[in-house]
Amino acid sequence: MLTTRNLVKIIFNSFLGFILILIWLQFVNLEEIINTISRVELMKLLPVFFFTFLAQFLRSIKLKIFLSPVKKISLKDLFFLNGAATMLNFLIPIRAGEIAKGLYISKNYVVPVRKALVWIFMDRFIDFLAVLALIGPLLIFIPTRLPQSIMIITIIIFITVIFFLYLAVFKSNFSGKIVRFLSKFLIVNSIKIYFERICIFFLESFVILKRKPHELLLIFAVTILAFGADAGIWFFTFLALGAPQDYITMYFAQLLSALTYLIPAAPGYVGSTEASGLLIFSGVFGIDANLASAMIVLFHIITAIFVLGFGIASLYFLKINLIGSLKNIKDL
């Protein structure tokens, strides 16, 4: 069952979501948002559902390619597994979906739980790398209110991450020596032992990234396409509201939005979706606050419908017991 610590996290995140809603309401006119949404052209929302499915499908392909050297998992299972995980993340946004993915792969494909969990989080780490790689260059071409220093900072962070990733993947022996050297500075012997065990475990897990350049490029390319599908969701949602926006701007907005998932969120992402959407579209791109919020609220409603519907269907096709899965999610 969920631990007390996790319940505290959920309560805290819910309170944070409530606070974010109150802050969001200070910057928007709720009546105008409702009026804007009431004028939506429903037929123009159909592509939104298509791109939502496409984004899920592309990420399933990416995960299959990513895991292919170590474990052959059917694309159908990964597609529905992503659907189930997305619903769990939506309902319990404390990385419950990633944990559930790892547990499912471990149980059904005979993989040690710890290794399966590391693989899943590394798959999400690739998304983070793609975001870092793309934000800097896109800032050159897309006008925003962000300072130009952000471009330099993201490029420096990306290069630094790639450097340490290179050491972990392709120079694992050397990295192991660094870990053992650093552990000497830890005075408490028990801490020293755990530090070495954890670091060595992750270094061994990073072997999954030891691929040929074209394989890594393929994974990266599919990741870029998945973000492109995400951008299509926002592009057509704005279009349905009669306020078309530039697609490349929507792509960049999706990259910025991906970074907000690192911030604690309430169940259903209530508050965080509205606040981050307002910050990105109005604060970064200068789009009218009420229009931006109307799009985000409509997107939030559509997302909830899709996530719950697809998630329940995924649980059925995978024959997963949701209550049983929740009981197995411990110490997230």
Protein backbone atom coordinates (compact mmCIF):
# COMPACT_ATOMS: atom_id res chain seq x y z
CA MET A 1 0.00 0.00 0.00
CA LEU A 2 1.06 3.66 -0.29
CA THR A 3 3.40 4.70 2.48
CA THR A 4 2.74 7.52 4.93
CA ARG A 5 5.50 9.49 3.23
CA ASN A 6 3.75 9.21 -0.13
CA LEU A 7 0.41 10.24 1.36
CA VAL A 8 2.12 13.30 2.86
CA LYS A 9 3.55 14.09 -0.59
CA ILE A 10 0.11 13.85 -2.19
CA ILE A 11 -1.48 16.08 0.48
CA PHE A 12 1.33 18.63 0.15
CA ASN A 13 1.10 18.60 -3.65
CA SER A 14 -2.69 19.03 -3.47
CA PHE A 15 -2.25 22.04 -1.20
CA LEU A 16 0.36 23.44 -3.61
CA GLY A 17 -2.07 22.94 -6.52
CA PHE A 18 -4.76 24.85 -4.60
CA ILE A 19 -2.34 27.73 -4.01
CA LEU A 20 -1.37 27.77 -7.71
CA ILE A 21 -5.05 27.95 -8.72
CA LEU A 22 -5.52 30.96 -6.43
CA ILE A 23 -2.46 32.66 -7.94
CA TRP A 24 -3.62 31.84 -11.48
CA LEU A 25 -7.06 33.39 -10.78
CA GLN A 26 -5.37 36.69 -9.89
CA PHE A 27 -4.10 37.08 -13.46
CA VAL A 28 -7.12 35.97 -15.51
CA ASN A 29 -10.80 36.73 -16.02
CA LEU A 30 -12.66 33.48 -15.44
CA GLU A 31 -15.80 34.68 -17.22
CA GLU A 32 -13.81 35.57 -20.35
CA ILE A 33 -12.10 32.18 -20.28
CA ILE A 34 -15.47 30.41 -20.15
CA ASN A 35 -16.81 32.56 -22.99
CA THR A 36 -13.74 31.79 -25.12
CA ILE A 37 -14.08 28.04 -24.52
CA SER A 38 -17.82 28.18 -25.30
CA ARG A 39 -16.96 29.33 -28.83
CA VAL A 40 -14.73 26.32 -29.55
CA GLU A 41 -15.21 24.55 -32.91
CA LEU A 42 -15.59 20.93 -31.84
CA MET A 43 -14.71 19.42 -35.23
CA LYS A 44 -11.35 21.16 -35.11
CA LEU A 45 -10.58 19.33 -31.87
CA LEU A 46 -10.49 15.95 -33.62
CA PRO A 47 -6.80 16.36 -34.62
CA VAL A 48 -6.04 16.98 -30.93
CA PHE A 49 -7.07 13.43 -30.07
CA PHE A 50 -5.10 12.11 -33.05
CA PHE A 51 -1.91 13.86 -31.97
CA THR A 52 -2.45 12.72 -28.37
CA PHE A 53 -2.55 9.11 -29.56
CA LEU A 54 0.41 9.74 -31.86
CA ALA A 55 2.52 11.13 -29.01
CA GLN A 56 1.79 8.00 -26.96
CA PHE A 57 2.60 5.74 -29.91
CA LEU A 58 5.90 7.48 -30.69
CA ARG A 59 7.02 7.27 -27.08
CA SER A 60 6.17 3.58 -27.09
CA ILE A 61 8.35 3.12 -30.18
CA LYS A 62 11.16 5.03 -28.47
CA LEU A 63 10.93 2.83 -25.39
CA LYS A 64 10.94 -0.32 -27.53
CA ILE A 65 14.07 0.83 -29.40
CA PHE A 66 15.67 1.85 -26.11
CA LEU A 67 15.05 -1.52 -24.45
CA SER A 68 15.63 -3.71 -27.52
CA PRO A 69 19.29 -4.63 -26.74
CA VAL A 70 18.39 -5.93 -23.27
CA LYS A 71 14.78 -7.10 -23.48
CA LYS A 72 12.36 -7.73 -26.34
CA ILE A 73 8.98 -6.28 -25.37
CA SER A 74 6.04 -6.12 -27.76
CA LEU A 75 5.08 -2.67 -29.03
CA LYS A 76 1.45 -3.36 -28.11
CA ASP A 77 2.39 -3.97 -24.48
CA LEU A 78 4.51 -0.83 -24.36
CA PHE A 79 1.73 1.24 -25.96
CA PHE A 80 -0.82 0.17 -23.38
CA LEU A 81 1.77 0.31 -20.62
CA ASN A 82 2.37 3.96 -21.47
CA GLY A 83 -1.38 4.53 -21.34
CA ALA A 84 -1.68 2.94 -17.89
CA ALA A 85 1.41 4.78 -16.62
CA THR A 86 0.13 8.13 -17.91
CA MET A 87 -3.13 7.63 -16.03
CA LEU A 88 -1.30 6.73 -12.83
CA ASN A 89 0.92 9.81 -13.17
CA PHE A 90 -2.19 11.90 -13.76
CA LEU A 91 -3.99 10.55 -10.69
CA ILE A 92 -0.92 10.21 -8.45
CA PRO A 93 1.77 12.58 -9.79
CA ILE A 94 4.62 11.27 -7.62
CA ARG A 95 6.18 9.21 -10.44
CA ALA A 96 3.68 6.39 -9.81
CA GLY A 97 3.45 5.74 -13.56
CA GLU A 98 7.18 5.15 -13.95
CA ILE A 99 7.20 2.84 -10.93
CA ALA A 100 4.24 0.89 -12.35
CA LYS A 101 6.05 0.52 -15.70
CA GLY A 102 9.11 -0.87 -14.02
CA LEU A 103 7.08 -3.28 -11.89
CA TYR A 104 5.12 -4.53 -14.91
CA ILE A 105 8.26 -5.14 -16.99
CA SER A 106 9.96 -6.82 -14.04
CA LYS A 107 7.03 -9.16 -13.37
CA ASN A 108 6.06 -10.02 -16.95
CA TYR A 109 9.47 -10.04 -18.63
CA VAL A 110 11.65 -11.49 -15.85
CA VAL A 111 13.84 -8.46 -15.16
CA PRO A 112 15.21 -7.44 -11.74
CA VAL A 113 12.96 -4.71 -10.33
CA ARG A 114 15.77 -2.25 -9.67
CA LYS A 115 17.15 -2.58 -13.17
CA ALA A 116 13.70 -2.21 -14.78
CA LEU A 117 13.04 0.94 -12.76
CA VAL A 118 16.38 2.45 -13.73
CA TRP A 119 15.69 1.73 -17.41
CA ILE A 120 12.31 3.48 -17.22
CA PHE A 121 13.76 6.56 -15.54
CA MET A 122 16.61 6.61 -18.05
CA ASP A 123 14.03 6.59 -20.84
CA ARG A 124 12.54 9.75 -19.31
CA PHE A 125 16.06 11.12 -18.92
CA ILE A 126 16.41 10.98 -22.71
CA ASP A 127 13.41 13.32 -22.95
CA PHE A 128 15.21 15.70 -20.62
CA LEU A 129 18.35 15.54 -22.78
CA ALA A 130 16.30 16.32 -25.89
CA VAL A 131 14.78 19.34 -24.16
CA LEU A 132 18.21 20.65 -23.17
CA ALA A 133 19.58 20.04 -26.67
CA LEU A 134 16.73 21.88 -28.43
CA ILE A 135 15.95 24.84 -26.18
CA GLY A 136 19.24 26.66 -26.81
CA PRO A 137 19.20 26.51 -30.64
CA LEU A 138 15.46 27.32 -30.85
CA LEU A 139 15.97 30.48 -28.79
CA ILE A 140 17.98 31.83 -31.73
CA PHE A 141 14.97 31.66 -34.07
CA ILE A 142 11.93 32.09 -31.81
CA PRO A 143 11.22 35.50 -30.25
CA THR A 144 10.55 35.22 -26.51
CA ARG A 145 10.75 37.31 -23.37
CA LEU A 146 13.47 35.06 -22.01
CA PRO A 147 16.93 36.59 -21.54
CA GLN A 148 19.54 35.46 -24.05
CA SER A 149 21.62 34.13 -21.18
CA ILE A 150 19.15 31.23 -20.95
CA MET A 151 20.43 29.97 -24.30
CA ILE A 152 24.03 29.96 -23.04
CA ILE A 153 23.06 28.34 -19.74
CA THR A 154 21.09 25.50 -21.39
CA ILE A 155 23.92 24.80 -23.84
CA ILE A 156 26.47 24.68 -20.99
CA ILE A 157 24.22 22.35 -18.95
CA PHE A 158 23.67 20.11 -21.98
CA ILE A 159 27.40 19.86 -22.74
CA THR A 160 28.16 19.14 -19.07
CA VAL A 161 25.51 16.41 -18.88
CA ILE A 162 26.73 14.84 -22.12
CA PHE A 163 30.31 14.85 -20.83
CA PHE A 164 29.43 13.00 -17.61
CA LEU A 165 27.11 10.69 -19.54
CA TYR A 166 29.98 9.85 -21.89
CA LEU A 167 32.19 8.99 -18.90
CA ALA A 168 29.46 6.79 -17.38
CA VAL A 169 28.66 4.94 -20.62
CA PHE A 170 31.91 4.68 -22.54
CA LYS A 171 34.48 5.11 -19.75
CA SER A 172 32.79 3.10 -17.03
CA ASN A 173 36.04 1.72 -15.60
CA PHE A 174 37.46 5.20 -15.24
CA SER A 175 34.18 6.43 -13.73
CA GLY A 176 34.27 3.54 -11.26
CA LYS A 177 37.74 4.66 -10.13
CA ILE A 178 36.41 8.21 -9.64
CA VAL A 179 33.54 6.86 -7.51
CA ARG A 180 35.91 4.87 -5.33
CA PHE A 181 38.23 7.88 -5.00
CA LEU A 182 35.36 10.19 -3.97
CA SER A 183 34.07 7.64 -1.48
CA LYS A 184 37.32 8.02 0.49
CA PHE A 185 36.17 11.50 1.52
CA LEU A 186 33.05 10.09 3.17
CA ILE A 187 33.87 9.65 6.83
CA VAL A 188 31.03 7.32 7.85
CA ASN A 189 31.78 3.82 6.59
CA SER A 190 28.12 2.84 6.05
CA ILE A 191 27.53 5.95 3.91
CA LYS A 192 30.69 5.16 1.96
CA ILE A 193 29.47 1.62 1.24
CA TYR A 194 26.01 2.74 0.09
CA PHE A 195 27.50 5.54 -2.02
CA GLU A 196 29.72 3.07 -3.87
CA ARG A 197 26.94 0.50 -4.31
CA ILE A 198 24.47 3.02 -5.70
CA CYS A 199 26.98 4.66 -8.04
CA ILE A 200 28.31 1.34 -9.35
CA PHE A 201 24.77 0.06 -9.86
CA PHE A 202 23.89 3.09 -11.98
CA LEU A 203 27.13 2.82 -13.94
CA GLU A 204 26.29 -0.79 -14.73
CA SER A 205 22.74 0.21 -15.74
CA PHE A 206 24.04 2.95 -18.08
CA VAL A 207 25.50 0.18 -20.26
CA ILE A 208 22.11 0.16 -22.03
CA LEU A 209 23.15 3.45 -23.66
CA LYS A 210 26.32 1.95 -25.10
CA ARG A 211 25.04 1.88 -28.67
CA LYS A 212 26.22 2.68 -32.14
CA PRO A 213 25.82 6.38 -33.07
CA HIS A 214 23.00 5.71 -35.55
CA GLU A 215 21.00 3.86 -32.88
CA LEU A 216 21.33 6.77 -30.45
CA LEU A 217 20.37 9.19 -33.20
CA LEU A 218 17.27 7.11 -33.96
CA ILE A 219 16.17 7.23 -30.32
CA PHE A 220 16.80 10.96 -30.25
CA ALA A 221 14.91 11.47 -33.54
CA VAL A 222 11.83 9.61 -32.29
CA THR A 223 11.96 11.73 -29.12
CA ILE A 224 11.97 14.90 -31.24
CA LEU A 225 8.99 13.59 -33.23
CA ALA A 226 7.11 12.81 -30.01
CA PHE A 227 7.53 16.41 -28.87
CA GLY A 228 6.33 17.40 -32.34
CA ALA A 229 3.12 15.45 -31.74
CA ASP A 230 2.75 17.19 -28.39
CA ALA A 231 3.11 20.54 -30.16
CA GLY A 232 0.36 19.49 -32.59
CA ILE A 233 -2.01 19.10 -29.61
CA TRP A 234 -1.59 22.71 -28.56
CA PHE A 235 -1.51 23.98 -32.15
CA PHE A 236 -4.93 22.49 -32.96
CA THR A 237 -6.41 23.43 -29.57
CA PHE A 238 -5.58 27.08 -30.24
CA LEU A 239 -6.95 26.65 -33.78
CA ALA A 240 -10.24 25.26 -32.42
CA LEU A 241 -10.54 28.41 -30.30
CA GLY A 242 -10.14 30.57 -33.41
CA ALA A 243 -6.71 31.82 -32.36
CA PRO A 244 -4.10 30.06 -34.54
CA GLN A 245 -0.51 30.16 -33.33
CA ASP A 246 2.83 29.39 -34.95
CA TYR A 247 3.60 25.66 -34.80
CA ILE A 248 7.30 26.17 -33.98
CA THR A 249 6.28 28.37 -31.06
CA MET A 250 4.03 25.56 -29.82
CA TYR A 251 6.95 23.14 -30.16
CA PHE A 252 9.18 25.36 -28.06
CA ALA A 253 6.37 25.81 -25.54
CA GLN A 254 6.13 22.03 -25.19
CA LEU A 255 9.84 21.82 -24.44
CA LEU A 256 9.46 24.42 -21.69
CA SER A 257 6.40 22.63 -20.39
CA ALA A 258 8.36 19.37 -20.14
CA LEU A 259 10.66 21.05 -17.62
CA THR A 260 7.69 21.89 -15.36
CA TYR A 261 7.04 18.17 -14.78
CA LEU A 262 10.04 18.26 -12.45
CA ILE A 263 7.91 20.43 -10.11
CA PRO A 264 5.58 18.69 -7.61
CA ALA A 265 1.99 18.54 -8.85
CA ALA A 266 -1.45 17.87 -7.38
CA PRO A 267 -3.57 14.89 -8.50
CA GLY A 268 -4.84 15.60 -12.00
CA TYR A 269 -2.14 18.29 -12.31
CA VAL A 270 -4.74 20.74 -11.03
CA GLY A 271 -3.15 24.13 -10.58
CA SER A 272 0.25 23.27 -12.03
CA THR A 273 -1.14 22.93 -15.57
CA GLU A 274 -2.92 26.28 -15.41
CA ALA A 275 -0.07 28.13 -13.70
CA SER A 276 2.69 26.75 -15.94
CA GLY A 277 0.57 27.31 -19.06
CA LEU A 278 0.00 30.95 -18.13
CA LEU A 279 3.68 31.41 -17.33
CA ILE A 280 4.82 29.89 -20.62
CA PHE A 281 2.29 31.35 -23.07
CA SER A 282 1.74 34.74 -21.48
CA GLY A 283 5.01 35.25 -19.62
CA VAL A 284 7.40 33.83 -22.24
CA PHE A 285 5.56 34.37 -25.54
CA GLY A 286 3.32 37.35 -24.70
CA ILE A 287 0.02 35.68 -25.64
CA ASP A 288 -3.04 37.23 -23.98
CA ALA A 289 -3.45 35.73 -20.51
CA ASN A 290 -7.15 34.90 -20.90
CA LEU A 291 -6.68 33.32 -24.34
CA ALA A 292 -3.70 31.29 -23.12
CA SER A 293 -5.62 30.16 -20.05
CA ALA A 294 -8.69 29.25 -22.12
CA MET A 295 -6.50 27.00 -24.28
CA ILE A 296 -4.84 25.43 -21.25
CA VAL A 297 -8.15 24.78 -19.48
CA LEU A 298 -9.62 23.22 -22.63
CA PHE A 299 -6.44 21.18 -23.11
CA HIS A 300 -6.62 20.07 -19.46
CA ILE A 301 -10.21 18.86 -19.92
CA ILE A 302 -9.35 16.98 -23.13
CA THR A 303 -6.28 15.48 -21.48
CA ALA A 304 -8.31 14.25 -18.52
CA ILE A 305 -10.85 12.60 -20.82
CA PHE A 306 -8.15 10.96 -22.94
CA VAL A 307 -5.91 9.90 -20.07
CA LEU A 308 -8.71 8.31 -18.07
CA GLY A 309 -10.33 6.65 -21.09
CA PHE A 310 -7.10 5.34 -22.60
CA GLY A 311 -5.72 4.46 -19.18
CA ILE A 312 -8.72 2.31 -18.24
CA ALA A 313 -8.61 0.60 -21.66
CA SER A 314 -4.87 -0.01 -21.18
CA LEU A 315 -5.44 -1.62 -17.78
CA TYR A 316 -8.02 -3.90 -19.38
CA PHE A 317 -5.81 -4.98 -22.29
CA LEU A 318 -2.79 -5.52 -20.04
CA LYS A 319 -4.96 -7.28 -17.43
CA ILE A 320 -3.53 -5.07 -14.69
CA ASN A 321 -5.28 -4.81 -11.35
CA LEU A 322 -5.11 -1.10 -10.50
CA ILE A 323 -5.59 -1.61 -6.75
CA GLY A 324 -3.00 -4.36 -6.73
CA SER A 325 -0.56 -2.14 -8.62
CA LEU A 326 -1.03 0.69 -6.15
CA LYS A 327 -0.31 -1.67 -3.27
CA ASN A 328 3.01 -2.58 -4.90
CA ILE A 329 4.13 1.02 -5.33
CA LYS A 330 6.26 1.59 -2.24
CA ASP A 331 8.91 4.15 -1.35
CA LEU A 332 8.51 6.16 -4.57
